PDB file of N, CA and C in Angstrom:
ATOM      1  N   MET A   1      98.879  30.615 114.280  1.00  0.00           N
ATOM      2  CA  MET A   1      98.762  31.267 112.501  1.00  0.00           C
ATOM      3  C   MET A   1      98.380  32.602 112.122  1.00  0.00           C
ATOM      4  N   LYS A   2      98.957  33.100 111.508  1.00  0.00           N
ATOM      5  CA  LYS A   2      98.683  34.579 111.370  1.00  0.00           C
ATOM      6  C   LYS A   2      98.221  34.753 109.972  1.00  0.00           C
ATOM      7  N   LEU A   3      96.864  35.643 109.321  1.00  0.00           N
ATOM      8  CA  LEU A   3      97.295  36.046 108.037  1.00  0.00           C
ATOM      9  C   LEU A   3      97.215  37.876 108.145  1.00  0.00           C
ATOM     10  N   GLU A   4      98.247  37.784 106.948  1.00  0.00           N
ATOM     11  CA  GLU A   4      98.189  38.979 106.163  1.00  0.00           C
ATOM     12  C   GLU A   4      98.128  39.356 105.373  1.00  0.00           C
ATOM     13  N   ILE A   5      96.901  40.518 104.846  1.00  0.00           N
ATOM     14  CA  ILE A   5      96.840  40.836 103.648  1.00  0.00           C
ATOM     15  C   ILE A   5      97.275  41.829 103.048  1.00  0.00           C
ATOM     16  N   ARG A   6      98.791  41.803 101.975  1.00  0.00           N
ATOM     17  CA  ARG A   6      99.475  42.965 101.311  1.00  0.00           C
ATOM     18  C   ARG A   6      98.999  43.613 100.367  1.00  0.00           C
ATOM     19  N   GLY A   7      98.813  45.451 100.440  1.00  0.00           N
ATOM     20  CA  GLY A   7      98.041  45.631  99.396  1.00  0.00           C
ATOM     21  C   GLY A   7      97.039  45.675  99.499  1.00  0.00           C
ATOM     22  N   VAL A   8      95.780  45.744 101.143  1.00  0.00           N
ATOM     23  CA  VAL A   8      94.802  45.834 101.374  1.00  0.00           C
ATOM     24  C   VAL A   8      94.651  47.563 100.883  1.00  0.00           C
ATOM     25  N   GLU A   9      95.288  48.606 101.020  1.00  0.00           N
ATOM     26  CA  GLU A   9      95.007  49.789 100.725  1.00  0.00           C
ATOM     27  C   GLU A   9      94.800  50.427 100.123  1.00  0.00           C
ATOM     28  N   LYS A  10      94.343  49.571  98.699  1.00  0.00           N
ATOM     29  CA  LYS A  10      94.304  49.451  97.318  1.00  0.00           C
ATOM     30  C   LYS A  10      92.851  49.103  97.367  1.00  0.00           C
ATOM     31  N   LEU A  11      92.422  48.652  98.440  1.00  0.00           N
ATOM     32  CA  LEU A  11      91.139  48.021  97.918  1.00  0.00           C
ATOM     33  C   LEU A  11      89.997  48.237  98.698  1.00  0.00           C
ATOM     34  N   SER A  12      88.656  48.233  98.202  1.00  0.00           N
ATOM     35  CA  SER A  12      87.592  48.730  98.577  1.00  0.00           C
ATOM     36  C   SER A  12      87.721  49.010 100.170  1.00  0.00           C
ATOM     37  N   PHE A  13      86.480  49.224 101.030  1.00  0.00           N
ATOM     38  CA  PHE A  13      86.469  48.486 102.085  1.00  0.00           C
ATOM     39  C   PHE A  13      85.269  47.475 101.985  1.00  0.00           C
ATOM     40  N   ARG A  14      84.479  47.071 100.740  1.00  0.00           N
ATOM     41  CA  ARG A  14      83.381  46.162 100.341  1.00  0.00           C
ATOM     42  C   ARG A  14      84.744  44.791 100.184  1.00  0.00           C
ATOM     43  N   GLU A  15      85.851  45.161  99.662  1.00  0.00           N
ATOM     44  CA  GLU A  15      86.839  44.364  98.824  1.00  0.00           C
ATOM     45  C   GLU A  15      87.394  44.187 100.203  1.00  0.00           C
ATOM     46  N   ARG A  16      87.650  44.690 100.749  1.00  0.00           N
ATOM     47  CA  ARG A  16      88.698  44.316 102.087  1.00  0.00           C
ATOM     48  C   ARG A  16      87.623  43.143 103.154  1.00  0.00           C
ATOM     49  N   GLN A  17      86.305  43.390 103.282  1.00  0.00           N
ATOM     50  CA  GLN A  17      85.241  42.520 103.955  1.00  0.00           C
ATOM     51  C   GLN A  17      85.270  41.167 103.145  1.00  0.00           C
ATOM     52  N   VAL A  18      85.052  40.987 101.749  1.00  0.00           N
ATOM     53  CA  VAL A  18      85.008  39.710 101.049  1.00  0.00           C
ATOM     54  C   VAL A  18      86.179  39.186 100.750  1.00  0.00           C
ATOM     55  N   VAL A  19      87.393  40.170 100.231  1.00  0.00           N
ATOM     56  CA  VAL A  19      89.039  39.069 100.485  1.00  0.00           C
ATOM     57  C   VAL A  19      89.063  38.448 101.766  1.00  0.00           C
ATOM     58  N   THR A  20      88.481  38.981 103.174  1.00  0.00           N
ATOM     59  CA  THR A  20      89.328  38.674 104.204  1.00  0.00           C
ATOM     60  C   THR A  20      88.349  37.008 104.615  1.00  0.00           C
ATOM     61  N   LEU A  21      87.397  37.159 104.183  1.00  0.00           N
ATOM     62  CA  LEU A  21      86.024  36.565 104.560  1.00  0.00           C
ATOM     63  C   LEU A  21      86.943  35.019 103.364  1.00  0.00           C
ATOM     64  N   LYS A  22      86.995  35.420 101.876  1.00  0.00           N
ATOM     65  CA  LYS A  22      87.553  34.752 101.364  1.00  0.00           C
ATOM     66  C   LYS A  22      88.923  33.487 101.806  1.00  0.00           C
ATOM     67  N   GLU A  23      89.695  34.218 102.224  1.00  0.00           N
ATOM     68  CA  GLU A  23      90.967  33.529 102.411  1.00  0.00           C
ATOM     69  C   GLU A  23      91.123  33.132 103.804  1.00  0.00           C
ATOM     70  N   MET A  24      89.261  33.871 104.631  1.00  0.00           N
ATOM     71  CA  MET A  24      89.901  32.783 105.793  1.00  0.00           C
ATOM     72  C   MET A  24      89.074  30.853 105.380  1.00  0.00           C
ATOM     73  N   GLY A  25      88.917  31.144 104.140  1.00  0.00           N
ATOM     74  CA  GLY A  25      88.011  29.527 103.699  1.00  0.00           C
ATOM     75  C   GLY A  25      87.054  29.852 103.670  1.00  0.00           C
ATOM     76  N   VAL A  26      85.863  30.645 103.789  1.00  0.00           N
ATOM     77  CA  VAL A  26      84.768  31.097 103.352  1.00  0.00           C
ATOM     78  C   VAL A  26      83.888  31.298 101.896  1.00  0.00           C
ATOM     79  N   SER A  27      83.174  30.223 101.973  1.00  0.00           N
ATOM     80  CA  SER A  27      82.350  30.201 100.482  1.00  0.00           C
ATOM     81  C   SER A  27      81.985  31.229 100.019  1.00  0.00           C
ATOM     82  N   SER A  28      81.957  31.233  98.721  1.00  0.00           N
ATOM     83  CA  SER A  28      81.341  32.291  97.902  1.00  0.00           C
ATOM     84  C   SER A  28      79.677  32.703  98.597  1.00  0.00           C
ATOM     85  N   ALA A  29      79.044  31.672  98.826  1.00  0.00           N
ATOM     86  CA  ALA A  29      77.969  32.085  99.243  1.00  0.00           C
ATOM     87  C   ALA A  29      77.708  32.330 100.441  1.00  0.00           C
ATOM     88  N   GLU A  30      78.324  31.479 101.364  1.00  0.00           N
ATOM     89  CA  GLU A  30      78.545  31.974 102.656  1.00  0.00           C
ATOM     90  C   GLU A  30      78.486  33.260 102.800  1.00  0.00           C
ATOM     91  N   ILE A  31      79.330  33.979 101.924  1.00  0.00           N
ATOM     92  CA  ILE A  31      79.960  35.374 101.666  1.00  0.00           C
ATOM     93  C   ILE A  31      78.846  36.320 101.677  1.00  0.00           C
ATOM     94  N   GLY A  32      78.295  36.220 100.536  1.00  0.00           N
ATOM     95  CA  GLY A  32      76.967  36.657 100.229  1.00  0.00           C
ATOM     96  C   GLY A  32      76.156  36.165 100.825  1.00  0.00           C
ATOM     97  N   ARG A  33      75.618  35.365 102.026  1.00  0.00           N
ATOM     98  CA  ARG A  33      74.879  35.262 102.905  1.00  0.00           C
ATOM     99  C   ARG A  33      74.755  36.384 103.931  1.00  0.00           C
ATOM    100  N   ARG A  34      76.247  36.269 104.347  1.00  0.00           N
ATOM    101  CA  ARG A  34      76.883  37.611 105.837  1.00  0.00           C
ATOM    102  C   ARG A  34      76.632  38.822 105.307  1.00  0.00           C
ATOM    103  N   LEU A  35      77.380  38.785 103.960  1.00  0.00           N
ATOM    104  CA  LEU A  35      76.964  40.462 103.966  1.00  0.00           C
ATOM    105  C   LEU A  35      75.940  41.040 103.090  1.00  0.00           C
ATOM    106  N   GLY A  36      74.720  40.422 102.655  1.00  0.00           N
ATOM    107  CA  GLY A  36      73.875  40.436 101.913  1.00  0.00           C
ATOM    108  C   GLY A  36      74.409  40.777 100.327  1.00  0.00           C
ATOM    109  N   LEU A  37      74.672  39.865  99.874  1.00  0.00           N
ATOM    110  CA  LEU A  37      75.172  40.319  98.317  1.00  0.00           C
ATOM    111  C   LEU A  37      74.912  38.790  97.582  1.00  0.00           C
ATOM    112  N   SER A  38      74.687  39.242  96.638  1.00  0.00           N
ATOM    113  CA  SER A  38      74.514  38.333  95.793  1.00  0.00           C
ATOM    114  C   SER A  38      75.864  37.551  95.187  1.00  0.00           C
ATOM    115  N   GLY A  39      75.723  36.258  94.662  1.00  0.00           N
ATOM    116  CA  GLY A  39      77.056  35.536  94.297  1.00  0.00           C
ATOM    117  C   GLY A  39      77.304  35.864  93.184  1.00  0.00           C
ATOM    118  N   SER A  40      76.705  36.561  92.405  1.00  0.00           N
ATOM    119  CA  SER A  40      78.093  37.876  91.257  1.00  0.00           C
ATOM    120  C   SER A  40      78.425  38.766  91.553  1.00  0.00           C
ATOM    121  N   THR A  41      77.651  39.642  92.896  1.00  0.00           N
ATOM    122  CA  THR A  41      78.417  40.626  93.375  1.00  0.00           C
ATOM    123  C   THR A  41      79.576  39.947  94.424  1.00  0.00           C
ATOM    124  N   VAL A  42      79.775  39.116  94.782  1.00  0.00           N
ATOM    125  CA  VAL A  42      80.970  38.293  95.403  1.00  0.00           C
ATOM    126  C   VAL A  42      81.823  38.302  94.567  1.00  0.00           C
ATOM    127  N   ALA A  43      81.680  37.874  93.574  1.00  0.00           N
ATOM    128  CA  ALA A  43      83.092  37.555  92.514  1.00  0.00           C
ATOM    129  C   ALA A  43      83.140  38.480  91.829  1.00  0.00           C
ATOM    130  N   THR A  44      82.446  39.387  91.700  1.00  0.00           N
ATOM    131  CA  THR A  44      83.099  40.712  90.490  1.00  0.00           C
ATOM    132  C   THR A  44      84.343  40.845  92.109  1.00  0.00           C
ATOM    133  N   LEU A  45      83.194  41.569  93.075  1.00  0.00           N
ATOM    134  CA  LEU A  45      84.315  41.976  94.481  1.00  0.00           C
ATOM    135  C   LEU A  45      85.968  41.297  94.420  1.00  0.00           C
ATOM    136  N   ILE A  46      85.641  40.098  94.223  1.00  0.00           N
ATOM    137  CA  ILE A  46      86.341  38.997  94.147  1.00  0.00           C
ATOM    138  C   ILE A  46      87.772  39.491  93.258  1.00  0.00           C
ATOM    139  N   ASN A  47      87.284  39.340  92.122  1.00  0.00           N
ATOM    140  CA  ASN A  47      88.010  39.483  90.488  1.00  0.00           C
ATOM    141  C   ASN A  47      88.478  40.713  90.726  1.00  0.00           C
ATOM    142  N   ARG A  48      87.742  42.300  91.462  1.00  0.00           N
ATOM    143  CA  ARG A  48      88.479  43.610  90.980  1.00  0.00           C
ATOM    144  C   ARG A  48      89.545  43.749  92.213  1.00  0.00           C
ATOM    145  N   ALA A  49      89.604  43.009  93.235  1.00  0.00           N
ATOM    146  CA  ALA A  49      90.352  42.992  94.043  1.00  0.00           C
ATOM    147  C   ALA A  49      91.839  42.280  93.802  1.00  0.00           C
ATOM    148  N   ARG A  50      91.440  41.362  92.824  1.00  0.00           N
ATOM    149  CA  ARG A  50      92.715  40.637  93.124  1.00  0.00           C
ATOM    150  C   ARG A  50      93.558  40.959  91.647  1.00  0.00           C
ATOM    151  N   GLY A  51      92.227  42.200  90.646  1.00  0.00           N
ATOM    152  CA  GLY A  51      92.951  42.896  89.648  1.00  0.00           C
ATOM    153  C   GLY A  51      94.089  44.183  90.336  1.00  0.00           C
ATOM    154  N   LYS A  52      93.931  44.362  91.619  1.00  0.00           N
ATOM    155  CA  LYS A  52      94.762  45.489  92.613  1.00  0.00           C
ATOM    156  C   LYS A  52      95.813  44.699  92.707  1.00  0.00           C
ATOM    157  N   GLY A  53      95.802  43.629  92.912  1.00  0.00           N
ATOM    158  CA  GLY A  53      97.336  43.089  92.856  1.00  0.00           C
ATOM    159  C   GLY A  53      97.320  42.839  94.445  1.00  0.00           C
ATOM    160  N   TYR A  54      96.464  42.693  95.130  1.00  0.00           N
ATOM    161  CA  TYR A  54      97.017  41.934  96.627  1.00  0.00           C
ATOM    162  C   TYR A  54      97.396  40.465  96.870  1.00  0.00           C
ATOM    163  N   GLU A  55      98.027  40.819  98.316  1.00  0.00           N
ATOM    164  CA  GLU A  55      98.939  39.270  97.706  1.00  0.00           C
ATOM    165  C   GLU A  55      98.548  39.224  99.597  1.00  0.00           C
ATOM    166  N   VAL A  56      98.694  37.552  99.691  1.00  0.00           N
ATOM    167  CA  VAL A  56      98.529  36.952 101.373  1.00  0.00           C
ATOM    168  C   VAL A  56      99.266  36.584 101.660  1.00  0.00           C
ATOM    169  N   VAL A  57      99.755  36.571 103.002  1.00  0.00           N
ATOM    170  CA  VAL A  57     101.085  35.927 103.856  1.00  0.00           C
ATOM    171  C   VAL A  57     100.516  35.222 104.447  1.00  0.00           C
ATOM    172  N   ILE A  58     100.975  33.844 104.916  1.00  0.00           N
ATOM    173  CA  ILE A  58     100.551  33.859 106.171  1.00  0.00           C
ATOM    174  C   ILE A  58     101.932  33.244 106.857  1.00  0.00           C
ATOM    175  N   ILE A  59     101.105  33.952 108.095  1.00  0.00           N
ATOM    176  CA  ILE A  59     102.985  33.697 109.279  1.00  0.00           C
ATOM    177  C   ILE A  59     102.631  32.961 110.147  1.00  0.00           C
ATOM    178  N   ILE A  60     103.413  31.404 110.126  1.00  0.00           N
ATOM    179  CA  ILE A  60     103.054  30.297 110.946  1.00  0.00           C
ATOM    180  C   ILE A  60     104.642  30.464 111.806  1.00  0.00           C
ATOM    181  N   PRO A  61     103.821  29.735 113.027  1.00  0.00           N
ATOM    182  CA  PRO A  61     105.251  30.801 114.287  1.00  0.00           C
ATOM    183  C   PRO A  61     106.506  29.072 113.965  1.00  0.00           C
ATOM    184  N   GLY A  62     107.807  28.768 113.844  1.00  0.00           N
ATOM    185  CA  GLY A  62     108.130  27.805 113.707  1.00  0.00           C
ATOM    186  C   GLY A  62     108.062  26.560 115.332  1.00  0.00           C
ATOM    187  N   TYR A  63     107.465  27.508 116.215  1.00  0.00           N
ATOM    188  CA  TYR A  63     107.213  25.874 116.688  1.00  0.00           C
ATOM    189  C   TYR A  63     106.017  25.346 116.923  1.00  0.00           C
ATOM    190  N   SER A  64     105.054  25.723 115.801  1.00  0.00           N
ATOM    191  CA  SER A  64     104.304  24.830 115.638  1.00  0.00           C
ATOM    192  C   SER A  64     104.432  24.126 114.543  1.00  0.00           C
ATOM    193  N   LEU A  65     106.021  24.302 113.957  1.00  0.00           N
ATOM    194  CA  LEU A  65     106.191  23.188 112.859  1.00  0.00           C
ATOM    195  C   LEU A  65     107.100  22.437 113.006  1.00  0.00           C
ATOM    196  N   GLY A  66     107.313  23.103 114.988  1.00  0.00           N
ATOM    197  CA  GLY A  66     108.510  21.699 115.580  1.00  0.00           C
ATOM    198  C   GLY A  66     109.948  22.470 115.187  1.00  0.00           C
ATOM    199  N   LEU A  67     110.080  23.446 114.799  1.00  0.00           N
ATOM    200  CA  LEU A  67     111.328  24.244 114.321  1.00  0.00           C
ATOM    201  C   LEU A  67     112.158  24.804 115.417  1.00  0.00           C
ATOM    202  N   SER A  68     111.231  25.176 116.349  1.00  0.00           N
ATOM    203  CA  SER A  68     111.920  25.977 116.970  1.00  0.00           C
ATOM    204  C   SER A  68     111.469  25.597 118.854  1.00  0.00           C
ATOM    205  N   GLY A  69     112.475  25.231 120.331  1.00  0.00           N
ATOM    206  CA  GLY A  69     111.962  25.003 121.118  1.00  0.00           C
ATOM    207  C   GLY A  69     111.318  25.850 122.026  1.00  0.00           C
ATOM    208  N   PRO A  70     110.695  24.748 122.996  1.00  0.00           N
ATOM    209  CA  PRO A  70     110.039  25.600 123.967  1.00  0.00           C
ATOM    210  C   PRO A  70     110.230  27.055 124.080  1.00  0.00           C
ATOM    211  N   ASP A  71     111.200  27.356 124.856  1.00  0.00           N
ATOM    212  CA  ASP A  71     111.544  29.294 125.221  1.00  0.00           C
ATOM    213  C   ASP A  71     111.323  29.841 124.074  1.00  0.00           C
ATOM    214  N   GLU A  72     111.403  29.498 122.815  1.00  0.00           N
ATOM    215  CA  GLU A  72     111.433  30.340 121.882  1.00  0.00           C
ATOM    216  C   GLU A  72     109.419  30.633 121.418  1.00  0.00           C
ATOM    217  N   GLN A  73     109.147  29.725 122.220  1.00  0.00           N
ATOM    218  CA  GLN A  73     108.071  29.872 121.639  1.00  0.00           C
ATOM    219  C   GLN A  73     107.058  30.375 122.300  1.00  0.00           C
ATOM    220  N   GLU A  74     107.725  30.874 123.850  1.00  0.00           N
ATOM    221  CA  GLU A  74     107.120  31.733 124.657  1.00  0.00           C
ATOM    222  C   GLU A  74     107.443  33.009 124.363  1.00  0.00           C
ATOM    223  N   GLU A  75     108.664  33.080 123.566  1.00  0.00           N
ATOM    224  CA  GLU A  75     108.604  34.452 123.362  1.00  0.00           C
ATOM    225  C   GLU A  75     108.029  34.597 121.598  1.00  0.00           C
ATOM    226  N   GLU A  76     107.615  33.813 121.004  1.00  0.00           N
ATOM    227  CA  GLU A  76     106.896  33.916 119.412  1.00  0.00           C
ATOM    228  C   GLU A  76     105.019  34.308 120.155  1.00  0.00           C
ATOM    229  N   GLY A  77     104.808  33.240 121.251  1.00  0.00           N
ATOM    230  CA  GLY A  77     103.708  33.412 121.409  1.00  0.00           C
ATOM    231  C   GLY A  77     102.683  34.424 122.179  1.00  0.00           C
TER     232      GLY A  77
END
């Protein structure tokens, strides 16, 4: 599985860090701890990034869902 963030070029470096961690499932409290930010700063960065209209796309290979054969698995992986 791959995670693609479309529109990332619209985000500041710090917004990119926060959004990436958030979309990977990291809690806001943990993001703050890792980046040395307060919870309110993390929330502000997430809201600012959402306002800039980024999109998250999850790319799941067909083989992981049982939709393609083993030969195709090698090509995709």
